[in-house]
C-alpha atoms as a PDB file:
ATOM      1  CA  UNK A   1      26.427 -10.008   7.053  1.00  0.00           C
ATOM      2  CA  UNK A   2      24.412 -13.152   7.935  1.00  0.00           C
ATOM      3  CA  UNK A   3      22.304 -14.998   5.337  1.00  0.00           C
ATOM      4  CA  UNK A   4      19.122 -13.758   6.976  1.00  0.00           C
ATOM      5  CA  UNK A   5      20.071 -10.224   6.268  1.00  0.00           C
ATOM      6  CA  UNK A   6      21.289 -10.999   2.775  1.00  0.00           C
ATOM      7  CA  UNK A   7      17.673 -12.412   2.080  1.00  0.00           C
ATOM      8  CA  UNK A   8      16.112  -9.470   3.721  1.00  0.00           C
ATOM      9  CA  UNK A   9      18.050  -7.084   1.348  1.00  0.00           C
ATOM     10  CA  UNK A  10      17.566  -9.075  -1.711  1.00  0.00           C
ATOM     11  CA  UNK A  11      13.762  -9.295  -1.113  1.00  0.00           C
ATOM     12  CA  UNK A  12      13.480  -5.721  -0.304  1.00  0.00           C
ATOM     13  CA  UNK A  13      15.429  -4.674  -3.331  1.00  0.00           C
ATOM     14  CA  UNK A  14      13.345  -6.881  -5.687  1.00  0.00           C
ATOM     15  CA  UNK A  15      10.089  -5.492  -4.184  1.00  0.00           C
ATOM     16  CA  UNK A  16      11.281  -1.983  -4.281  1.00  0.00           C
ATOM     17  CA  UNK A  17      12.719  -2.060  -7.836  1.00  0.00           C
ATOM     18  CA  UNK A  18       9.665  -3.893  -9.332  1.00  0.00           C
ATOM     19  CA  UNK A  19       7.341  -1.570  -7.468  1.00  0.00           C
ATOM     20  CA  UNK A  20       9.001   1.695  -8.329  1.00  0.00           C
ATOM     21  CA  UNK A  21       9.776   0.503 -11.996  1.00  0.00           C
ATOM     22  CA  UNK A  22       6.138  -0.252 -12.640  1.00  0.00           C
ATOM     23  CA  UNK A  23       4.992   3.020 -11.064  1.00  0.00           C
ATOM     24  CA  UNK A  24       7.429   5.068 -13.155  1.00  0.00           C
ATOM     25  CA  UNK A  25       6.269   3.087 -16.328  1.00  0.00           C
ATOM     26  CA  UNK A  26       2.506   3.656 -15.554  1.00  0.00           C
ATOM     27  CA  UNK A  27       3.093   7.391 -14.709  1.00  0.00           C
ATOM     28  CA  UNK A  28       5.246   7.875 -17.939  1.00  0.00           C
ATOM     29  CA  UNK A  29       2.874   5.981 -20.363  1.00  0.00           C
ATOM     30  CA  UNK A  30      -0.623   6.265 -19.130  1.00  0.00           C
ATOM     31  CA  UNK A  31      -2.704   9.433 -18.448  1.00  0.00           C
ATOM     32  CA  UNK A  32      -4.452   9.763 -15.095  1.00  0.00           C
ATOM     33  CA  UNK A  33      -7.506   7.349 -15.029  1.00  0.00           C
ATOM     34  CA  UNK A  34      -6.454   5.857 -18.374  1.00  0.00           C
ATOM     35  CA  UNK A  35      -7.311   1.935 -18.424  1.00  0.00           C
ATOM     36  CA  UNK A  36      -5.940  -0.839 -20.548  1.00  0.00           C
ATOM     37  CA  UNK A  37      -7.522  -4.264 -20.450  1.00  0.00           C
ATOM     38  CA  UNK A  38      -5.052  -7.066 -19.608  1.00  0.00           C
ATOM     39  CA  UNK A  39      -7.508  -9.900 -19.013  1.00  0.00           C
ATOM     40  CA  UNK A  40     -10.909  -8.870 -20.400  1.00  0.00           C
ATOM     41  CA  UNK A  41     -13.534  -8.561 -17.821  1.00  0.00           C
ATOM     42  CA  UNK A  42     -11.309  -9.412 -14.891  1.00  0.00           C
ATOM     43  CA  UNK A  43      -8.023  -7.284 -14.847  1.00  0.00           C
ATOM     44  CA  UNK A  44      -7.019  -3.955 -16.157  1.00  0.00           C
ATOM     45  CA  UNK A  45      -4.057  -1.601 -15.759  1.00  0.00           C
ATOM     46  CA  UNK A  46      -5.737   1.497 -14.568  1.00  0.00           C
ATOM     47  CA  UNK A  47      -3.618   4.629 -13.554  1.00  0.00           C
ATOM     48  CA  UNK A  48      -5.011   6.225 -10.353  1.00  0.00           C
ATOM     49  CA  UNK A  49      -3.369   8.112  -7.514  1.00  0.00           C
ATOM     50  CA  UNK A  50      -4.363   7.402  -3.797  1.00  0.00           C
ATOM     51  CA  UNK A  51      -3.960  10.308  -1.542  1.00  0.00           C
ATOM     52  CA  UNK A  52      -5.129   8.241   1.458  1.00  0.00           C
ATOM     53  CA  UNK A  53      -4.424   4.896   2.891  1.00  0.00           C
ATOM     54  CA  UNK A  54      -6.178   1.569   2.030  1.00  0.00           C
ATOM     55  CA  UNK A  55      -9.512   2.449   0.203  1.00  0.00           C
ATOM     56  CA  UNK A  56      -8.619   6.174   0.233  1.00  0.00           C
ATOM     57  CA  UNK A  57      -8.870   6.489   3.946  1.00  0.00           C
ATOM     58  CA  UNK A  58      -7.932  10.139   5.085  1.00  0.00           C
ATOM     59  CA  UNK A  59      -7.392  11.163   1.661  1.00  0.00           C
ATOM     60  CA  UNK A  60      -8.841  14.687   2.279  1.00  0.00           C
ATOM     61  CA  UNK A  61      -6.978  15.248   5.627  1.00  0.00           C
ATOM     62  CA  UNK A  62      -4.643  18.218   5.904  1.00  0.00           C
ATOM     63  CA  UNK A  63      -2.241  16.057   7.950  1.00  0.00           C
ATOM     64  CA  UNK A  64      -2.216  13.106   5.834  1.00  0.00           C
ATOM     65  CA  UNK A  65       1.274  13.391   4.325  1.00  0.00           C
ATOM     66  CA  UNK A  66       3.155  13.809   7.656  1.00  0.00           C
ATOM     67  CA  UNK A  67       0.828  11.170   9.325  1.00  0.00           C
ATOM     68  CA  UNK A  68       1.442   8.537   6.497  1.00  0.00           C
ATOM     69  CA  UNK A  69       5.206   9.282   6.343  1.00  0.00           C
ATOM     70  CA  UNK A  70       5.482   9.103  10.198  1.00  0.00           C
ATOM     71  CA  UNK A  71       3.524   5.798  10.435  1.00  0.00           C
ATOM     72  CA  UNK A  72       5.420   4.164   7.672  1.00  0.00           C
ATOM     73  CA  UNK A  73       8.743   5.087   9.269  1.00  0.00           C
ATOM     74  CA  UNK A  74       7.562   3.871  12.713  1.00  0.00           C
ATOM     75  CA  UNK A  75       6.211   0.779  11.227  1.00  0.00           C
ATOM     76  CA  UNK A  76       9.412   0.070   9.316  1.00  0.00           C
ATOM     77  CA  UNK A  77      11.697   0.605  12.451  1.00  0.00           C
ATOM     78  CA  UNK A  78       9.255  -1.595  14.417  1.00  0.00           C
ATOM     79  CA  UNK A  79       9.516  -4.427  11.682  1.00  0.00           C
ATOM     80  CA  UNK A  80      13.351  -4.113  11.866  1.00  0.00           C
ATOM     81  CA  UNK A  81      13.408  -4.459  15.530  1.00  0.00           C
ATOM     82  CA  UNK A  82      11.053  -7.490  15.515  1.00  0.00           C
ATOM     83  CA  UNK A  83      12.961  -9.256  12.664  1.00  0.00           C
ATOM     84  CA  UNK A  84      16.174  -8.985  14.723  1.00  0.00           C
ATOM     85  CA  UNK A  85      14.447 -10.914  17.617  1.00  0.00           C
ATOM     86  CA  UNK A  86      13.021 -13.707  15.525  1.00  0.00           C
ATOM     87  CA  UNK A  87      14.422 -17.151  16.278  1.00  0.00           C
ATOM     88  CA  UNK A  88      16.155 -18.969  13.391  1.00  0.00           C
ATOM     89  CA  UNK A  89      13.209 -21.349  12.941  1.00  0.00           C
ATOM     90  CA  UNK A  90      10.694 -18.550  12.474  1.00  0.00           C
ATOM     91  CA  UNK A  91      11.365 -18.459   8.751  1.00  0.00           C
ATOM     92  CA  UNK A  92       7.713 -17.682   7.665  1.00  0.00           C
ATOM     93  CA  UNK A  93       7.503 -14.803  10.102  1.00  0.00           C
ATOM     94  CA  UNK A  94      10.859 -13.489   8.727  1.00  0.00           C
ATOM     95  CA  UNK A  95       9.646 -13.545   5.052  1.00  0.00           C
ATOM     96  CA  UNK A  96       6.299 -12.128   6.010  1.00  0.00           C
ATOM     97  CA  UNK A  97       7.759  -9.313   7.863  1.00  0.00           C
ATOM     98  CA  UNK A  98      10.364  -8.512   4.938  1.00  0.00           C
ATOM     99  CA  UNK A  99       7.283  -8.394   2.576  1.00  0.00           C
ATOM    100  CA  UNK A 100       5.398  -5.971   4.930  1.00  0.00           C
ATOM    101  CA  UNK A 101       8.625  -3.790   5.257  1.00  0.00           C
ATOM    102  CA  UNK A 102       9.282  -3.772   1.515  1.00  0.00           C
ATOM    103  CA  UNK A 103       5.841  -2.793   0.607  1.00  0.00           C
ATOM    104  CA  UNK A 104       5.735  -0.112   3.328  1.00  0.00           C
ATOM    105  CA  UNK A 105       8.961   1.271   1.984  1.00  0.00           C
ATOM    106  CA  UNK A 106       7.746   1.271  -1.588  1.00  0.00           C
ATOM    107  CA  UNK A 107       4.651   3.350  -0.837  1.00  0.00           C
ATOM    108  CA  UNK A 108       6.808   5.626   1.565  1.00  0.00           C
ATOM    109  CA  UNK A 109       8.822   6.536  -1.434  1.00  0.00           C
ATOM    110  CA  UNK A 110       5.753   7.587  -3.367  1.00  0.00           C
ATOM    111  CA  UNK A 111       4.391   9.578  -0.444  1.00  0.00           C
ATOM    112  CA  UNK A 112       7.698  11.471   0.032  1.00  0.00           C
ATOM    113  CA  UNK A 113       8.187  11.943  -3.899  1.00  0.00           C
ATOM    114  CA  UNK A 114       4.626  12.752  -4.834  1.00  0.00           C
ATOM    115  CA  UNK A 115       2.548  13.277  -1.628  1.00  0.00           C
ATOM    116  CA  UNK A 116       0.517  10.223  -2.827  1.00  0.00           C
ATOM    117  CA  UNK A 117       0.622   6.661  -4.022  1.00  0.00           C
ATOM    118  CA  UNK A 118       0.392   5.593  -7.637  1.00  0.00           C
ATOM    119  CA  UNK A 119      -1.899   2.560  -7.934  1.00  0.00           C
ATOM    120  CA  UNK A 120      -2.680   0.764 -11.254  1.00  0.00           C
ATOM    121  CA  UNK A 121      -3.710  -2.828 -10.688  1.00  0.00           C
ATOM    122  CA  UNK A 122      -7.284  -3.037 -11.255  1.00  0.00           C
ATOM    123  CA  UNK A 123      -9.051  -6.368 -10.248  1.00  0.00           C
ATOM    124  CA  UNK A 124     -12.832  -6.658 -10.933  1.00  0.00           C
ATOM    125  CA  UNK A 125     -15.707  -8.862 -11.752  1.00  0.00           C
ATOM    126  CA  UNK A 126     -18.334  -7.304 -14.017  1.00  0.00           C
ATOM    127  CA  UNK A 127     -19.104  -3.947 -12.318  1.00  0.00           C
ATOM    128  CA  UNK A 128     -17.460  -4.774  -9.043  1.00  0.00           C
ATOM    129  CA  UNK A 129     -14.051  -3.345  -8.722  1.00  0.00           C
ATOM    130  CA  UNK A 130     -11.558  -3.867  -5.926  1.00  0.00           C
ATOM    131  CA  UNK A 131      -9.777  -0.717  -5.184  1.00  0.00           C
ATOM    132  CA  UNK A 132      -6.832  -0.361  -7.438  1.00  0.00           C
ATOM    133  CA  UNK A 133      -3.346  -1.290  -5.913  1.00  0.00           C
ATOM    134  CA  UNK A 134       0.405  -1.701  -6.683  1.00  0.00           C
ATOM    135  CA  UNK A 135       3.142  -4.093  -6.152  1.00  0.00           C
ATOM    136  CA  UNK A 136       3.982  -2.527  -2.637  1.00  0.00           C
ATOM    137  CA  UNK A 137       0.356  -3.017  -1.571  1.00  0.00           C
ATOM    138  CA  UNK A 138       0.700  -6.681  -2.746  1.00  0.00           C
ATOM    139  CA  UNK A 139       3.646  -7.280  -0.713  1.00  0.00           C
ATOM    140  CA  UNK A 140       2.152  -5.980   2.284  1.00  0.00           C
ATOM    141  CA  UNK A 141      -1.092  -8.025   1.769  1.00  0.00           C
ATOM    142  CA  UNK A 142       0.822 -11.243   1.248  1.00  0.00           C
ATOM    143  CA  UNK A 143       3.067 -10.452   4.168  1.00  0.00           C
ATOM    144  CA  UNK A 144       0.119  -9.981   6.434  1.00  0.00           C
ATOM    145  CA  UNK A 145      -1.538 -13.083   5.199  1.00  0.00           C
ATOM    146  CA  UNK A 146       1.611 -15.078   5.919  1.00  0.00           C
ATOM    147  CA  UNK A 147       1.901 -13.481   9.402  1.00  0.00           C
ATOM    148  CA  UNK A 148      -1.809 -14.757  10.201  1.00  0.00           C
ATOM    149  CA  UNK A 149      -0.948 -18.134   8.910  1.00  0.00           C
ATOM    150  CA  UNK A 150       2.248 -18.229  11.180  1.00  0.00           C
ATOM    151  CA  UNK A 151       0.253 -17.015  14.089  1.00  0.00           C
ATOM    152  CA  UNK A 152      -2.366 -19.855  13.515  1.00  0.00           C
ATOM    153  CA  UNK A 153       0.433 -22.482  13.143  1.00  0.00           C
ATOM    154  CA  UNK A 154       2.037 -21.277  16.287  1.00  0.00           C
ATOM    155  CA  UNK A 155      -1.115 -21.467  18.247  1.00  0.00           C
ATOM    156  CA  UNK A 156      -1.977 -24.876  16.816  1.00  0.00           C
ATOM    157  CA  UNK A 157       1.437 -26.022  17.858  1.00  0.00           C
ATOM    158  CA  UNK A 158       1.100 -24.752  21.377  1.00  0.00           C
ATOM    159  CA  UNK A 159      -2.263 -26.406  21.722  1.00  0.00           C
ATOM    160  CA  UNK A 160      -0.727 -29.720  20.449  1.00  0.00           C
ATOM    161  CA  UNK A 161       2.150 -29.369  22.900  1.00  0.00           C
ATOM    162  CA  UNK A 162      -0.208 -28.719  25.761  1.00  0.00           C
ATOM    163  CA  UNK A 163      -2.413 -31.601  24.875  1.00  0.00           C
ATOM    164  CA  UNK A 164       0.565 -33.937  24.604  1.00  0.00           C
ATOM    165  CA  UNK A 165       1.856 -32.666  27.914  1.00  0.00           C
ATOM    166  CA  UNK A 166      -1.425 -33.188  29.648  1.00  0.00           C
ATOM    167  CA  UNK A 167      -1.645 -36.726  28.298  1.00  0.00           C
ATOM    168  CA  UNK A 168       1.760 -37.499  29.635  1.00  0.00           C
ATOM    169  CA  UNK A 169       0.853 -36.130  32.978  1.00  0.00           C
ATOM    170  CA  UNK A 170      -2.305 -38.282  33.128  1.00  0.00           C
ATOM    171  CA  UNK A 171      -0.274 -41.479  32.292  1.00  0.00           C
ATOM    172  CA  UNK A 172       2.413 -40.809  34.936  1.00  0.00           C
END
Protein backbone atom coordinates (compact mmCIF):
# COMPACT_ATOMS: atom_id res chain seq x y z
CA UNK A 1 0.00 0.00 0.00
CA UNK A 2 1.47 3.36 -0.99
CA UNK A 3 2.12 6.11 1.51
CA UNK A 4 -0.76 8.12 0.00
CA UNK A 5 -3.27 5.39 0.82
CA UNK A 6 -1.84 4.90 4.30
CA UNK A 7 -2.44 8.61 4.94
CA UNK A 8 -5.93 8.30 3.48
CA UNK A 9 -6.72 5.36 5.77
CA UNK A 10 -5.20 7.05 8.83
CA UNK A 11 -7.04 10.36 8.31
CA UNK A 12 -10.31 8.57 7.59
CA UNK A 13 -10.01 6.40 10.70
CA UNK A 14 -9.14 9.37 12.94
CA UNK A 15 -12.11 11.40 11.64
CA UNK A 16 -14.52 8.43 11.79
CA UNK A 17 -13.51 7.33 15.29
CA UNK A 18 -13.60 10.86 16.73
CA UNK A 19 -16.89 11.64 14.96
CA UNK A 20 -18.65 8.47 16.03
CA UNK A 21 -17.18 8.48 19.56
CA UNK A 22 -18.34 12.04 20.21
CA UNK A 23 -21.79 11.31 18.79
CA UNK A 24 -22.11 8.20 20.94
CA UNK A 25 -20.99 10.19 23.99
CA UNK A 26 -23.53 12.95 23.37
CA UNK A 27 -26.30 10.42 22.68
CA UNK A 28 -25.54 8.52 25.90
CA UNK A 29 -25.01 11.53 28.19
CA UNK A 30 -27.38 14.26 26.96
CA UNK A 31 -31.12 14.41 26.58
CA UNK A 32 -32.34 15.59 23.19
CA UNK A 33 -32.03 19.41 23.06
CA UNK A 34 -30.03 19.49 26.29
CA UNK A 35 -27.29 22.09 26.21
CA UNK A 36 -24.08 22.61 28.16
CA UNK A 37 -22.03 25.80 27.98
CA UNK A 38 -18.40 25.29 26.98
CA UNK A 39 -17.42 28.90 26.28
CA UNK A 40 -20.00 31.24 27.80
CA UNK A 41 -21.88 33.22 25.16
CA UNK A 42 -20.07 31.62 22.19
CA UNK A 43 -20.03 27.81 22.22
CA UNK A 44 -22.28 25.12 23.67
CA UNK A 45 -22.64 21.39 23.33
CA UNK A 46 -26.29 21.01 22.35
CA UNK A 47 -27.76 17.64 21.43
CA UNK A 48 -29.91 17.85 18.30
CA UNK A 49 -30.79 15.45 15.52
CA UNK A 50 -30.87 16.51 11.91
CA UNK A 51 -33.13 14.53 9.60
CA UNK A 52 -32.16 16.63 6.57
CA UNK A 53 -28.98 17.86 4.96
CA UNK A 54 -27.21 21.10 5.82
CA UNK A 55 -29.55 23.47 7.65
CA UNK A 56 -32.26 20.75 7.74
CA UNK A 57 -32.86 20.70 3.97
CA UNK A 58 -35.29 17.89 2.98
CA UNK A 59 -35.90 16.99 6.64
CA UNK A 60 -39.60 16.28 6.03
CA UNK A 61 -39.26 14.43 2.72
CA UNK A 62 -40.44 10.81 2.53
CA UNK A 63 -37.45 9.87 0.34
CA UNK A 64 -34.82 11.59 2.46
CA UNK A 65 -33.16 8.47 3.93
CA UNK A 66 -32.61 6.54 0.67
CA UNK A 67 -31.76 9.81 -1.10
CA UNK A 68 -29.09 10.86 1.40
CA UNK A 69 -27.64 7.36 1.64
CA UNK A 70 -27.42 7.10 -2.16
CA UNK A 71 -25.94 10.58 -2.57
CA UNK A 72 -23.36 9.87 0.15
CA UNK A 73 -22.28 6.58 -1.41
CA UNK A 74 -22.08 8.06 -4.92
CA UNK A 75 -20.07 11.03 -3.61
CA UNK A 76 -17.69 8.74 -1.73
CA UNK A 77 -17.13 6.58 -4.81
CA UNK A 78 -16.55 9.69 -6.94
CA UNK A 79 -14.03 10.99 -4.39
CA UNK A 80 -12.15 7.67 -4.38
CA UNK A 81 -12.11 7.69 -8.19
CA UNK A 82 -10.80 11.25 -8.25
CA UNK A 83 -8.15 10.64 -5.57
CA UNK A 84 -6.72 7.81 -7.69
CA UNK A 85 -6.24 10.27 -10.56
CA UNK A 86 -4.49 12.99 -8.56
CA UNK A 87 -0.87 13.70 -9.38
CA UNK A 88 1.70 13.26 -6.62
CA UNK A 89 2.16 17.04 -6.36
CA UNK A 90 -1.57 17.62 -5.67
CA UNK A 91 -1.20 17.08 -1.94
CA UNK A 92 -3.66 19.78 -0.85
CA UNK A 93 -6.37 18.35 -3.11
CA UNK A 94 -5.63 14.87 -1.72
CA UNK A 95 -6.02 15.99 1.90
CA UNK A 96 -9.10 18.05 1.08
CA UNK A 97 -10.83 15.14 -0.66
CA UNK A 98 -9.84 12.79 2.16
CA UNK A 99 -11.52 15.12 4.67
CA UNK A 100 -14.70 15.36 2.56
CA UNK A 101 -14.75 11.56 2.15
CA UNK A 102 -14.27 11.02 5.90
CA UNK A 103 -17.01 13.46 6.83
CA UNK A 104 -19.44 11.97 4.33
CA UNK A 105 -18.65 8.51 5.72
CA UNK A 106 -19.26 9.64 9.32
CA UNK A 107 -22.65 11.13 8.51
CA UNK A 108 -23.52 8.11 6.32
CA UNK A 109 -23.03 5.84 9.34
CA UNK A 110 -25.56 7.95 11.28
CA UNK A 111 -28.09 7.92 8.44
CA UNK A 112 -27.87 4.13 8.12
CA UNK A 113 -27.90 3.55 11.90
CA UNK A 114 -30.41 6.21 12.98
CA UNK A 115 -32.08 7.61 9.88
CA UNK A 116 -30.73 11.04 10.89
CA UNK A 117 -27.49 12.72 11.96
CA UNK A 118 -26.49 13.63 15.50
CA UNK A 119 -25.28 17.24 15.77
CA UNK A 120 -23.96 18.84 18.93
CA UNK A 121 -21.47 21.64 18.24
CA UNK A 122 -23.41 24.86 18.78
CA UNK A 123 -21.59 28.08 17.88
CA UNK A 124 -23.35 31.39 18.39
CA UNK A 125 -23.03 35.07 19.09
CA UNK A 126 -25.68 36.52 21.40
CA UNK A 127 -28.98 35.22 19.91
CA UNK A 128 -27.51 34.39 16.48
CA UNK A 129 -26.86 30.64 16.28
CA UNK A 130 -25.11 28.83 13.49
CA UNK A 131 -26.93 25.52 12.89
CA UNK A 132 -25.50 22.81 15.14
CA UNK A 133 -22.95 20.54 13.47
CA UNK A 134 -20.58 17.67 14.25
CA UNK A 135 -17.01 16.54 13.55
CA UNK A 136 -17.99 14.96 10.20
CA UNK A 137 -19.56 18.25 9.10
CA UNK A 138 -16.39 20.06 10.16
CA UNK A 139 -14.24 17.69 8.10
CA UNK A 140 -16.46 18.26 5.06
CA UNK A 141 -16.38 22.04 5.50
CA UNK A 142 -12.60 22.19 5.97
CA UNK A 143 -12.12 19.85 3.00
CA UNK A 144 -14.30 21.99 0.74
CA UNK A 145 -12.48 25.16 1.88
CA UNK A 146 -9.14 23.50 1.05
CA UNK A 147 -10.47 22.45 -2.36
CA UNK A 148 -11.50 26.05 -3.09
CA UNK A 149 -8.03 27.21 -2.02
CA UNK A 150 -6.41 24.58 -4.26
CA UNK A 151 -8.56 25.62 -7.24
CA UNK A 152 -7.58 29.26 -6.65
CA UNK A 153 -3.89 28.33 -6.46
CA UNK A 154 -4.07 26.26 -9.63
CA UNK A 155 -5.84 29.07 -11.50
CA UNK A 156 -3.29 31.60 -10.27
CA UNK A 157 -0.43 29.31 -11.37
CA UNK A 158 -1.99 28.89 -14.82
CA UNK A 159 -2.37 32.67 -15.16
CA UNK A 160 1.25 33.21 -14.07
CA UNK A 161 2.50 30.54 -16.49
CA UNK A 162 0.47 32.03 -19.34
CA UNK A 163 1.78 35.53 -18.59
CA UNK A 164 5.37 34.25 -18.44
CA UNK A 165 4.92 32.40 -21.73
CA UNK A 166 3.45 35.51 -23.41
CA UNK A 167 6.40 37.63 -22.21
CA UNK A 168 8.88 35.08 -23.60
CA UNK A 169 7.08 35.11 -26.94
CA UNK A 170 7.20 38.93 -27.08
CA UNK A 171 10.94 38.90 -26.36
CA UNK A 172 11.62 36.31 -29.06
